[in-house]
Amino acid sequence: MELVAELRGRDGQTRSVRVPCPAEEGEGGQLRGLRRALAEMQERVVELLAPLVQEEREAAGGGGPRGNVEDDDDDDEDEDEDENNIDTKASADDPPPKRTKVQP
């Protein structure tokens, strides 16, 4: 088995990334092999995209490799808070709660 990713740039150029996905020995070996192949695929895609991301940042005036680090940290904290604060109120799109009849 093999994992294949196809990346198409804004210029229309297509790049393919192929990673072999051999099954490993033992119980669950196929899943372990797939996990290793996915990790390798992710690394290769990051390597391909990193120069493009850098070009975009420089064109936008971001400059450094991560831009303003303090702003990035604040965004992460906001996302964490949003995940933990789940709105338990029913929305207008939800049906009303079921009613149960009480028999005397």
PDB file of N, CA and C in Angstrom:
ATOM      1  N   MET A   1       0.854  -1.168   0.000  1.00  0.00           N
ATOM      2  CA  MET A   1       0.000   0.000   0.000  1.00  0.00           C
ATOM      3  C   MET A   1       0.903   1.234   0.000  1.00  0.00           C
ATOM      4  N   GLU A   2       0.360   2.351  -0.459  1.00  0.00           N
ATOM      5  CA  GLU A   2       1.130   3.580  -0.590  1.00  0.00           C
ATOM      6  C   GLU A   2       0.204   4.771  -0.373  1.00  0.00           C
ATOM      7  N   LEU A   3       0.705   5.786   0.321  1.00  0.00           N
ATOM      8  CA  LEU A   3      -0.038   7.035   0.480  1.00  0.00           C
ATOM      9  C   LEU A   3       0.434   8.010  -0.588  1.00  0.00           C
ATOM     10  N   VAL A   4      -0.507   8.746  -1.179  1.00  0.00           N
ATOM     11  CA  VAL A   4      -0.170   9.697  -2.232  1.00  0.00           C
ATOM     12  C   VAL A   4      -0.861  11.026  -1.915  1.00  0.00           C
ATOM     13  N   ALA A   5      -0.101  12.103  -1.990  1.00  0.00           N
ATOM     14  CA  ALA A   5      -0.651  13.451  -1.847  1.00  0.00           C
ATOM     15  C   ALA A   5      -0.285  14.232  -3.094  1.00  0.00           C
ATOM     16  N   GLU A   6      -1.210  15.026  -3.561  1.00  0.00           N
ATOM     17  CA  GLU A   6      -0.959  15.864  -4.732  1.00  0.00           C
ATOM     18  C   GLU A   6      -1.186  17.309  -4.332  1.00  0.00           C
ATOM     19  N   LEU A   7      -0.154  18.105  -4.481  1.00  0.00           N
ATOM     20  CA  LEU A   7      -0.220  19.516  -4.120  1.00  0.00           C
ATOM     21  C   LEU A   7      -0.171  20.350  -5.388  1.00  0.00           C
ATOM     22  N   ARG A   8      -1.135  21.228  -5.550  1.00  0.00           N
ATOM     23  CA  ARG A   8      -1.167  22.094  -6.722  1.00  0.00           C
ATOM     24  C   ARG A   8      -0.983  23.526  -6.259  1.00  0.00           C
ATOM     25  N   GLY A   9       0.055  24.173  -6.777  1.00  0.00           N
ATOM     26  CA  GLY A   9       0.365  25.537  -6.402  1.00  0.00           C
ATOM     27  C   GLY A   9      -0.500  26.541  -7.142  1.00  0.00           C
ATOM     28  N   ARG A  10      -0.390  27.779  -6.726  1.00  0.00           N
ATOM     29  CA  ARG A  10      -1.144  28.851  -7.387  1.00  0.00           C
ATOM     30  C   ARG A  10      -0.715  29.036  -8.828  1.00  0.00           C
ATOM     31  N   ASP A  11       0.527  28.636  -9.125  1.00  0.00           N
ATOM     32  CA  ASP A  11       1.025  28.745 -10.496  1.00  0.00           C
ATOM     33  C   ASP A  11       0.538  27.590 -11.366  1.00  0.00           C
ATOM     34  N   GLY A  12      -0.210  26.653 -10.787  1.00  0.00           N
ATOM     35  CA  GLY A  12      -0.737  25.524 -11.526  1.00  0.00           C
ATOM     36  C   GLY A  12       0.180  24.318 -11.532  1.00  0.00           C
ATOM     37  N   GLN A  13       1.377  24.475 -10.998  1.00  0.00           N
ATOM     38  CA  GLN A  13       2.323  23.374 -10.961  1.00  0.00           C
ATOM     39  C   GLN A  13       1.867  22.346  -9.921  1.00  0.00           C
ATOM     40  N   THR A  14       1.942  21.062 -10.307  1.00  0.00           N
ATOM     41  CA  THR A  14       1.521  19.984  -9.425  1.00  0.00           C
ATOM     42  C   THR A  14       2.732  19.226  -8.914  1.00  0.00           C
ATOM     43  N   ARG A  15       2.725  18.935  -7.621  1.00  0.00           N
ATOM     44  CA  ARG A  15       3.781  18.138  -6.999  1.00  0.00           C
ATOM     45  C   ARG A  15       3.127  16.942  -6.320  1.00  0.00           C
ATOM     46  N   SER A  16       3.689  15.785  -6.544  1.00  0.00           N
ATOM     47  CA  SER A  16       3.183  14.570  -5.905  1.00  0.00           C
ATOM     48  C   SER A  16       4.141  14.110  -4.832  1.00  0.00           C
ATOM     49  N   VAL A  17       3.573  13.613  -3.758  1.00  0.00           N
ATOM     50  CA  VAL A  17       4.365  13.044  -2.671  1.00  0.00           C
ATOM     51  C   VAL A  17       3.851  11.628  -2.479  1.00  0.00           C
ATOM     52  N   ARG A  18       4.755  10.661  -2.542  1.00  0.00           N
ATOM     53  CA  ARG A  18       4.400   9.257  -2.366  1.00  0.00           C
ATOM     54  C   ARG A  18       5.184   8.685  -1.195  1.00  0.00           C
ATOM     55  N   VAL A  19       4.470   7.994  -0.306  1.00  0.00           N
ATOM     56  CA  VAL A  19       5.100   7.372   0.854  1.00  0.00           C
ATOM     57  C   VAL A  19       4.645   5.917   0.910  1.00  0.00           C
ATOM     58  N   PRO A  20       5.594   4.981   0.915  1.00  0.00           N
ATOM     59  CA  PRO A  20       5.206   3.580   1.049  1.00  0.00           C
ATOM     60  C   PRO A  20       4.603   3.333   2.432  1.00  0.00           C
ATOM     61  N   CYS A  21       3.654   2.418   2.482  1.00  0.00           N
ATOM     62  CA  CYS A  21       2.945   2.144   3.724  1.00  0.00           C
ATOM     63  C   CYS A  21       2.937   0.639   3.980  1.00  0.00           C
ATOM     64  N   PRO A  22       4.094   0.077   4.366  1.00  0.00           N
ATOM     65  CA  PRO A  22       4.144  -1.363   4.604  1.00  0.00           C
ATOM     66  C   PRO A  22       3.512  -1.721   5.947  1.00  0.00           C
ATOM     67  N   ALA A  23       2.837  -2.873   5.984  1.00  0.00           N
ATOM     68  CA  ALA A  23       2.278  -3.348   7.244  1.00  0.00           C
ATOM     69  C   ALA A  23       3.416  -3.864   8.114  1.00  0.00           C
ATOM     70  N   GLU A  24       3.315  -3.622   9.405  1.00  0.00           N
ATOM     71  CA  GLU A  24       4.319  -4.110  10.338  1.00  0.00           C
ATOM     72  C   GLU A  24       3.890  -5.468  10.881  1.00  0.00           C
ATOM     73  N   GLU A  25       4.815  -6.170  11.479  1.00  0.00           N
ATOM     74  CA  GLU A  25       4.552  -7.499  12.042  1.00  0.00           C
ATOM     75  C   GLU A  25       3.648  -7.391  13.268  1.00  0.00           C
ATOM     76  N   GLY A  26       2.898  -8.425  13.521  1.00  0.00           N
ATOM     77  CA  GLY A  26       2.111  -8.531  14.741  1.00  0.00           C
ATOM     78  C   GLY A  26       0.714  -7.960  14.613  1.00  0.00           C
ATOM     79  N   GLU A  27      -0.010  -8.067  15.717  1.00  0.00           N
ATOM     80  CA  GLU A  27      -1.385  -7.589  15.766  1.00  0.00           C
ATOM     81  C   GLU A  27      -1.407  -6.062  15.652  1.00  0.00           C
ATOM     82  N   GLY A  28      -2.244  -5.541  14.794  1.00  0.00           N
ATOM     83  CA  GLY A  28      -2.342  -4.103  14.589  1.00  0.00           C
ATOM     84  C   GLY A  28      -1.208  -3.539  13.748  1.00  0.00           C
ATOM     85  N   GLY A  29      -0.460  -4.409  13.095  1.00  0.00           N
ATOM     86  CA  GLY A  29       0.694  -3.979  12.311  1.00  0.00           C
ATOM     87  C   GLY A  29       0.330  -3.085  11.143  1.00  0.00           C
ATOM     88  N   GLN A  30      -0.805  -3.369  10.534  1.00  0.00           N
ATOM     89  CA  GLN A  30      -1.220  -2.546   9.394  1.00  0.00           C
ATOM     90  C   GLN A  30      -1.526  -1.123   9.850  1.00  0.00           C
ATOM     91  N   LEU A  31      -2.159  -0.992  10.991  1.00  0.00           N
ATOM     92  CA  LEU A  31      -2.482   0.336  11.525  1.00  0.00           C
ATOM     93  C   LEU A  31      -1.213   1.088  11.936  1.00  0.00           C
ATOM     94  N   ARG A  32      -0.268   0.393  12.576  1.00  0.00           N
ATOM     95  CA  ARG A  32       0.991   1.037  12.953  1.00  0.00           C
ATOM     96  C   ARG A  32       1.749   1.508  11.713  1.00  0.00           C
ATOM     97  N   GLY A  33       1.762   0.680  10.670  1.00  0.00           N
ATOM     98  CA  GLY A  33       2.424   1.068   9.427  1.00  0.00           C
ATOM     99  C   GLY A  33       1.775   2.298   8.812  1.00  0.00           C
ATOM    100  N   LEU A  34       0.458   2.343   8.864  1.00  0.00           N
ATOM    101  CA  LEU A  34      -0.267   3.498   8.334  1.00  0.00           C
ATOM    102  C   LEU A  34       0.050   4.754   9.138  1.00  0.00           C
ATOM    103  N   ARG A  35       0.121   4.644  10.452  1.00  0.00           N
ATOM    104  CA  ARG A  35       0.441   5.807  11.290  1.00  0.00           C
ATOM    105  C   ARG A  35       1.840   6.338  10.983  1.00  0.00           C
ATOM    106  N   ARG A  36       2.799   5.434  10.796  1.00  0.00           N
ATOM    107  CA  ARG A  36       4.161   5.864  10.470  1.00  0.00           C
ATOM    108  C   ARG A  36       4.195   6.546   9.101  1.00  0.00           C
ATOM    109  N   ALA A  37       3.474   5.973   8.143  1.00  0.00           N
ATOM    110  CA  ALA A  37       3.437   6.560   6.807  1.00  0.00           C
ATOM    111  C   ALA A  37       2.773   7.934   6.833  1.00  0.00           C
ATOM    112  N   LEU A  38       1.715   8.092   7.626  1.00  0.00           N
ATOM    113  CA  LEU A  38       1.056   9.399   7.742  1.00  0.00           C
ATOM    114  C   LEU A  38       1.989  10.438   8.346  1.00  0.00           C
ATOM    115  N   ALA A  39       2.758  10.041   9.355  1.00  0.00           N
ATOM    116  CA  ALA A  39       3.709  10.970   9.966  1.00  0.00           C
ATOM    117  C   ALA A  39       4.770  11.389   8.950  1.00  0.00           C
ATOM    118  N   GLU A  40       5.254  10.438   8.173  1.00  0.00           N
ATOM    119  CA  GLU A  40       6.250  10.770   7.153  1.00  0.00           C
ATOM    120  C   GLU A  40       5.649  11.665   6.072  1.00  0.00           C
ATOM    121  N   MET A  41       4.403  11.375   5.682  1.00  0.00           N
ATOM    122  CA  MET A  41       3.725  12.198   4.677  1.00  0.00           C
ATOM    123  C   MET A  41       3.605  13.629   5.180  1.00  0.00           C
ATOM    124  N   GLN A  42       3.231  13.788   6.444  1.00  0.00           N
ATOM    125  CA  GLN A  42       3.090  15.128   7.012  1.00  0.00           C
ATOM    126  C   GLN A  42       4.420  15.877   6.964  1.00  0.00           C
ATOM    127  N   GLU A  43       5.514  15.207   7.323  1.00  0.00           N
ATOM    128  CA  GLU A  43       6.828  15.846   7.292  1.00  0.00           C
ATOM    129  C   GLU A  43       7.186  16.306   5.885  1.00  0.00           C
ATOM    130  N   ARG A  44       6.936  15.453   4.908  1.00  0.00           N
ATOM    131  CA  ARG A  44       7.286  15.804   3.526  1.00  0.00           C
ATOM    132  C   ARG A  44       6.446  16.963   3.007  1.00  0.00           C
ATOM    133  N   VAL A  45       5.168  16.973   3.343  1.00  0.00           N
ATOM    134  CA  VAL A  45       4.293  18.066   2.893  1.00  0.00           C
ATOM    135  C   VAL A  45       4.724  19.377   3.553  1.00  0.00           C
ATOM    136  N   VAL A  46       5.084  19.336   4.831  1.00  0.00           N
ATOM    137  CA  VAL A  46       5.555  20.535   5.528  1.00  0.00           C
ATOM    138  C   VAL A  46       6.821  21.055   4.860  1.00  0.00           C
ATOM    139  N   GLU A  47       7.726  20.146   4.482  1.00  0.00           N
ATOM    140  CA  GLU A  47       8.960  20.556   3.808  1.00  0.00           C
ATOM    141  C   GLU A  47       8.656  21.242   2.478  1.00  0.00           C
ATOM    142  N   LEU A  48       7.652  20.746   1.762  1.00  0.00           N
ATOM    143  CA  LEU A  48       7.294  21.358   0.482  1.00  0.00           C
ATOM    144  C   LEU A  48       6.623  22.715   0.664  1.00  0.00           C
ATOM    145  N   LEU A  49       5.804  22.825   1.690  1.00  0.00           N
ATOM    146  CA  LEU A  49       5.026  24.058   1.877  1.00  0.00           C
ATOM    147  C   LEU A  49       5.794  25.156   2.613  1.00  0.00           C
ATOM    148  N   ALA A  50       6.793  24.812   3.393  1.00  0.00           N
ATOM    149  CA  ALA A  50       7.504  25.799   4.204  1.00  0.00           C
ATOM    150  C   ALA A  50       8.054  26.964   3.374  1.00  0.00           C
ATOM    151  N   PRO A  51       8.740  26.719   2.249  1.00  0.00           N
ATOM    152  CA  PRO A  51       9.232  27.862   1.468  1.00  0.00           C
ATOM    153  C   PRO A  51       8.098  28.724   0.910  1.00  0.00           C
ATOM    154  N   LEU A  52       6.990  28.101   0.537  1.00  0.00           N
ATOM    155  CA  LEU A  52       5.856  28.863   0.007  1.00  0.00           C
ATOM    156  C   LEU A  52       5.227  29.733   1.093  1.00  0.00           C
ATOM    157  N   VAL A  53       5.120  29.186   2.290  1.00  0.00           N
ATOM    158  CA  VAL A  53       4.565  29.949   3.407  1.00  0.00           C
ATOM    159  C   VAL A  53       5.472  31.138   3.722  1.00  0.00           C
ATOM    160  N   GLN A  54       6.777  30.906   3.700  1.00  0.00           N
ATOM    161  CA  GLN A  54       7.736  31.984   3.966  1.00  0.00           C
ATOM    162  C   GLN A  54       7.598  33.097   2.925  1.00  0.00           C
ATOM    163  N   GLU A  55       7.465  32.719   1.658  1.00  0.00           N
ATOM    164  CA  GLU A  55       7.285  33.716   0.599  1.00  0.00           C
ATOM    165  C   GLU A  55       6.026  34.539   0.834  1.00  0.00           C
ATOM    166  N   GLU A  56       4.943  33.885   1.222  1.00  0.00           N
ATOM    167  CA  GLU A  56       3.678  34.579   1.489  1.00  0.00           C
ATOM    168  C   GLU A  56       3.838  35.569   2.641  1.00  0.00           C
ATOM    169  N   ARG A  57       4.524  35.147   3.689  1.00  0.00           N
ATOM    170  CA  ARG A  57       4.727  36.036   4.849  1.00  0.00           C
ATOM    171  C   ARG A  57       5.548  37.253   4.462  1.00  0.00           C
ATOM    172  N   GLU A  58       6.611  37.020   3.688  1.00  0.00           N
ATOM    173  CA  GLU A  58       7.450  38.131   3.277  1.00  0.00           C
ATOM    174  C   GLU A  58       6.685  39.087   2.365  1.00  0.00           C
ATOM    175  N   ALA A  59       5.854  38.545   1.483  1.00  0.00           N
ATOM    176  CA  ALA A  59       5.061  39.386   0.592  1.00  0.00           C
ATOM    177  C   ALA A  59       4.028  40.191   1.375  1.00  0.00           C
ATOM    178  N   ALA A  60       3.535  39.624   2.468  1.00  0.00           N
ATOM    179  CA  ALA A  60       2.542  40.314   3.296  1.00  0.00           C
ATOM    180  C   ALA A  60       3.190  41.243   4.309  1.00  0.00           C
ATOM    181  N   GLY A  61       4.524  41.202   4.408  1.00  0.00           N
ATOM    182  CA  GLY A  61       5.221  42.073   5.343  1.00  0.00           C
ATOM    183  C   GLY A  61       5.389  41.465   6.709  1.00  0.00           C
ATOM    184  N   GLY A  62       5.152  40.146   6.840  1.00  0.00           N
ATOM    185  CA  GLY A  62       5.288  39.463   8.131  1.00  0.00           C
ATOM    186  C   GLY A  62       6.722  39.328   8.562  1.00  0.00           C
ATOM    187  N   GLY A  63       7.635  39.216   7.619  1.00  0.00           N
ATOM    188  CA  GLY A  63       9.054  39.161   7.945  1.00  0.00           C
ATOM    189  C   GLY A  63       9.505  37.836   8.472  1.00  0.00           C
ATOM    190  N   GLY A  64       9.636  37.700   9.793  1.00  0.00           N
ATOM    191  CA  GLY A  64      10.250  36.547  10.434  1.00  0.00           C
ATOM    192  C   GLY A  64       9.521  35.247  10.198  1.00  0.00           C
ATOM    193  N   PRO A  65      10.120  34.176  10.686  1.00  0.00           N
ATOM    194  CA  PRO A  65       9.545  32.874  10.454  1.00  0.00           C
ATOM    195  C   PRO A  65       8.189  32.661  11.111  1.00  0.00           C
ATOM    196  N   ARG A  66       7.901  33.362  12.221  1.00  0.00           N
ATOM    197  CA  ARG A  66       6.606  33.181  12.857  1.00  0.00           C
ATOM    198  C   ARG A  66       5.853  34.488  13.021  1.00  0.00           C
ATOM    199  N   GLY A  67       6.357  35.569  12.510  1.00  0.00           N
ATOM    200  CA  GLY A  67       5.686  36.853  12.696  1.00  0.00           C
ATOM    201  C   GLY A  67       5.770  37.270  14.148  1.00  0.00           C
ATOM    202  N   ASN A  68       4.692  37.794  14.698  1.00  0.00           N
ATOM    203  CA  ASN A  68       4.663  38.238  16.079  1.00  0.00           C
ATOM    204  C   ASN A  68       4.259  37.070  16.966  1.00  0.00           C
ATOM    205  N   VAL A  69       5.182  36.552  17.754  1.00  0.00           N
ATOM    206  CA  VAL A  69       4.943  35.378  18.576  1.00  0.00           C
ATOM    207  C   VAL A  69       3.892  35.663  19.638  1.00  0.00           C
ATOM    208  N   GLU A  70       3.888  36.862  20.209  1.00  0.00           N
ATOM    209  CA  GLU A  70       2.925  37.168  21.256  1.00  0.00           C
ATOM    210  C   GLU A  70       1.497  37.079  20.746  1.00  0.00           C
ATOM    211  N   ASP A  71       1.230  37.543  19.541  1.00  0.00           N
ATOM    212  CA  ASP A  71      -0.103  37.468  18.984  1.00  0.00           C
ATOM    213  C   ASP A  71      -0.524  36.020  18.790  1.00  0.00           C
ATOM    214  N   ASP A  72       0.397  35.158  18.344  1.00  0.00           N
ATOM    215  CA  ASP A  72       0.082  33.756  18.133  1.00  0.00           C
ATOM    216  C   ASP A  72      -0.324  33.094  19.444  1.00  0.00           C
ATOM    217  N   ASP A  73       0.385  33.407  20.535  1.00  0.00           N
ATOM    218  CA  ASP A  73       0.064  32.806  21.819  1.00  0.00           C
ATOM    219  C   ASP A  73      -1.316  33.226  22.289  1.00  0.00           C
ATOM    220  N   ASP A  74      -1.678  34.486  22.092  1.00  0.00           N
ATOM    221  CA  ASP A  74      -2.985  34.960  22.507  1.00  0.00           C
ATOM    222  C   ASP A  74      -4.087  34.239  21.749  1.00  0.00           C
ATOM    223  N   ASP A  75      -3.880  33.988  20.464  1.00  0.00           N
ATOM    224  CA  ASP A  75      -4.880  33.286  19.666  1.00  0.00           C
ATOM    225  C   ASP A  75      -5.080  31.874  20.179  1.00  0.00           C
ATOM    226  N   ASP A  76      -3.996  31.199  20.558  1.00  0.00           N
ATOM    227  CA  ASP A  76      -4.101  29.841  21.072  1.00  0.00           C
ATOM    228  C   ASP A  76      -4.905  29.808  22.355  1.00  0.00           C
ATOM    229  N   GLU A  77      -4.682  30.793  23.232  1.00  0.00           N
ATOM    230  CA  GLU A  77      -5.423  30.839  24.482  1.00  0.00           C
ATOM    231  C   GLU A  77      -6.904  31.060  24.231  1.00  0.00           C
ATOM    232  N   ASP A  78      -7.235  31.934  23.283  1.00  0.00           N
ATOM    233  CA  ASP A  78      -8.634  32.186  22.966  1.00  0.00           C
ATOM    234  C   ASP A  78      -9.305  30.924  22.440  1.00  0.00           C
ATOM    235  N   GLU A  79      -8.599  30.177  21.590  1.00  0.00           N
ATOM    236  CA  GLU A  79      -9.168  28.952  21.055  1.00  0.00           C
ATOM    237  C   GLU A  79      -9.402  27.939  22.163  1.00  0.00           C
ATOM    238  N   ASP A  80      -8.459  27.834  23.115  1.00  0.00           N
ATOM    239  CA  ASP A  80      -8.620  26.903  24.217  1.00  0.00           C
ATOM    240  C   ASP A  80      -9.836  27.273  25.052  1.00  0.00           C
ATOM    241  N   GLU A  81     -10.026  28.560  25.304  1.00  0.00           N
ATOM    242  CA  GLU A  81     -11.175  29.001  26.082  1.00  0.00           C
ATOM    243  C   GLU A  81     -12.476  28.682  25.356  1.00  0.00           C
ATOM    244  N   ASP A  82     -12.503  28.877  24.044  1.00  0.00           N
ATOM    245  CA  ASP A  82     -13.704  28.594  23.278  1.00  0.00           C
ATOM    246  C   ASP A  82     -14.061  27.112  23.346  1.00  0.00           C
ATOM    247  N   GLU A  83     -13.041  26.250  23.315  1.00  0.00           N
ATOM    248  CA  GLU A  83     -13.301  24.821  23.366  1.00  0.00           C
ATOM    249  C   GLU A  83     -13.864  24.404  24.717  1.00  0.00           C
ATOM    250  N   ASN A  84     -13.414  25.056  25.791  1.00  0.00           N
ATOM    251  CA  ASN A  84     -13.857  24.667  27.118  1.00  0.00           C
ATOM    252  C   ASN A  84     -15.211  25.258  27.487  1.00  0.00           C
ATOM    253  N   ASN A  85     -15.586  26.370  26.914  1.00  0.00           N
ATOM    254  CA  ASN A  85     -16.857  27.019  27.206  1.00  0.00           C
ATOM    255  C   ASN A  85     -17.893  26.591  26.181  1.00  0.00           C
ATOM    256  N   ILE A  86     -18.597  25.526  26.488  1.00  0.00           N
ATOM    257  CA  ILE A  86     -19.616  25.024  25.577  1.00  0.00           C
ATOM    258  C   ILE A  86     -20.933  25.655  25.970  1.00  0.00           C
ATOM    259  N   ASP A  87     -21.620  26.223  24.999  1.00  0.00           N
ATOM    260  CA  ASP A  87     -22.906  26.861  25.253  1.00  0.00           C
ATOM    261  C   ASP A  87     -23.955  25.780  25.434  1.00  0.00           C
ATOM    262  N   THR A  88     -24.522  25.700  26.634  1.00  0.00           N
ATOM    263  CA  THR A  88     -25.494  24.652  26.915  1.00  0.00           C
ATOM    264  C   THR A  88     -26.927  25.106  26.636  1.00  0.00           C
ATOM    265  N   LYS A  89     -27.126  26.362  26.318  1.00  0.00           N
ATOM    266  CA  LYS A  89     -28.467  26.850  26.004  1.00  0.00           C
ATOM    267  C   LYS A  89     -28.907  26.286  24.675  1.00  0.00           C
ATOM    268  N   ALA A  90     -30.187  25.980  24.552  1.00  0.00           N
ATOM    269  CA  ALA A  90     -30.712  25.463  23.293  1.00  0.00           C
ATOM    270  C   ALA A  90     -30.781  26.596  22.289  1.00  0.00           C
ATOM    271  N   SER A  91     -30.405  26.308  21.067  1.00  0.00           N
ATOM    272  CA  SER A  91     -30.479  27.341  20.039  1.00  0.00           C
ATOM    273  C   SER A  91     -31.858  27.317  19.400  1.00  0.00           C
ATOM    274  N   ALA A  92     -32.150  28.350  18.633  1.00  0.00           N
ATOM    275  CA  ALA A  92     -33.450  28.462  17.984  1.00  0.00           C
ATOM    276  C   ALA A  92     -33.657  27.360  16.948  1.00  0.00           C
ATOM    277  N   ASP A  93     -32.582  26.777  16.436  1.00  0.00           N
ATOM    278  CA  ASP A  93     -32.692  25.726  15.433  1.00  0.00           C
ATOM    279  C   ASP A  93     -33.020  24.369  16.038  1.00  0.00           C
ATOM    280  N   ASP A  94     -32.770  24.199  17.345  1.00  0.00           N
ATOM    281  CA  ASP A  94     -33.006  22.917  17.987  1.00  0.00           C
ATOM    282  C   ASP A  94     -34.493  22.748  18.290  1.00  0.00           C
ATOM    283  N   PRO A  95     -34.976  21.510  18.219  1.00  0.00           N
ATOM    284  CA  PRO A  95     -36.378  21.282  18.590  1.00  0.00           C
ATOM    285  C   PRO A  95     -36.540  21.421  20.094  1.00  0.00           C
ATOM    286  N   PRO A  96     -37.752  21.706  20.548  1.00  0.00           N
ATOM    287  CA  PRO A  96     -37.966  21.831  21.994  1.00  0.00           C
ATOM    288  C   PRO A  96     -37.721  20.484  22.666  1.00  0.00           C
ATOM    289  N   PRO A  97     -37.379  20.500  23.959  1.00  0.00           N
ATOM    290  CA  PRO A  97     -37.133  19.239  24.648  1.00  0.00           C
ATOM    291  C   PRO A  97     -38.400  18.397  24.712  1.00  0.00           C
ATOM    292  N   LYS A  98     -38.219  17.074  24.765  1.00  0.00           N
ATOM    293  CA  LYS A  98     -39.360  16.162  24.807  1.00  0.00           C
ATOM    294  C   LYS A  98     -40.081  16.308  26.126  1.00  0.00           C
ATOM    295  N   ARG A  99     -41.384  16.226  26.073  1.00  0.00           N
ATOM    296  CA  ARG A  99     -42.187  16.282  27.290  1.00  0.00           C
ATOM    297  C   ARG A  99     -42.648  14.873  27.618  1.00  0.00           C
ATOM    298  N   THR A 100     -42.648  14.575  28.877  1.00  0.00           N
ATOM    299  CA  THR A 100     -43.157  13.273  29.300  1.00  0.00           C
ATOM    300  C   THR A 100     -44.474  13.482  30.022  1.00  0.00           C
ATOM    301  N   LYS A 101     -45.421  12.609  29.758  1.00  0.00           N
ATOM    302  CA  LYS A 101     -46.716  12.698  30.424  1.00  0.00           C
ATOM    303  C   LYS A 101     -46.638  11.988  31.765  1.00  0.00           C
ATOM    304  N   VAL A 102     -47.223  12.609  32.770  1.00  0.00           N
ATOM    305  CA  VAL A 102     -47.246  12.021  34.087  1.00  0.00           C
ATOM    306  C   VAL A 102     -48.634  11.434  34.275  1.00  0.00           C
ATOM    307  N   GLN A 103     -48.705  10.132  34.517  1.00  0.00           N
ATOM    308  CA  GLN A 103     -49.969   9.445  34.742  1.00  0.00           C
ATOM    309  C   GLN A 103     -50.367   9.568  36.217  1.00  0.00           C
ATOM    310  N   PRO A 104     -51.622   9.991  36.537  1.00  0.00           N
ATOM    311  CA  PRO A 104     -52.013  10.090  37.958  1.00  0.00           C
ATOM    312  C   PRO A 104     -52.260   8.727  38.581  1.00  0.00           C
TER     313      PRO A 104
END
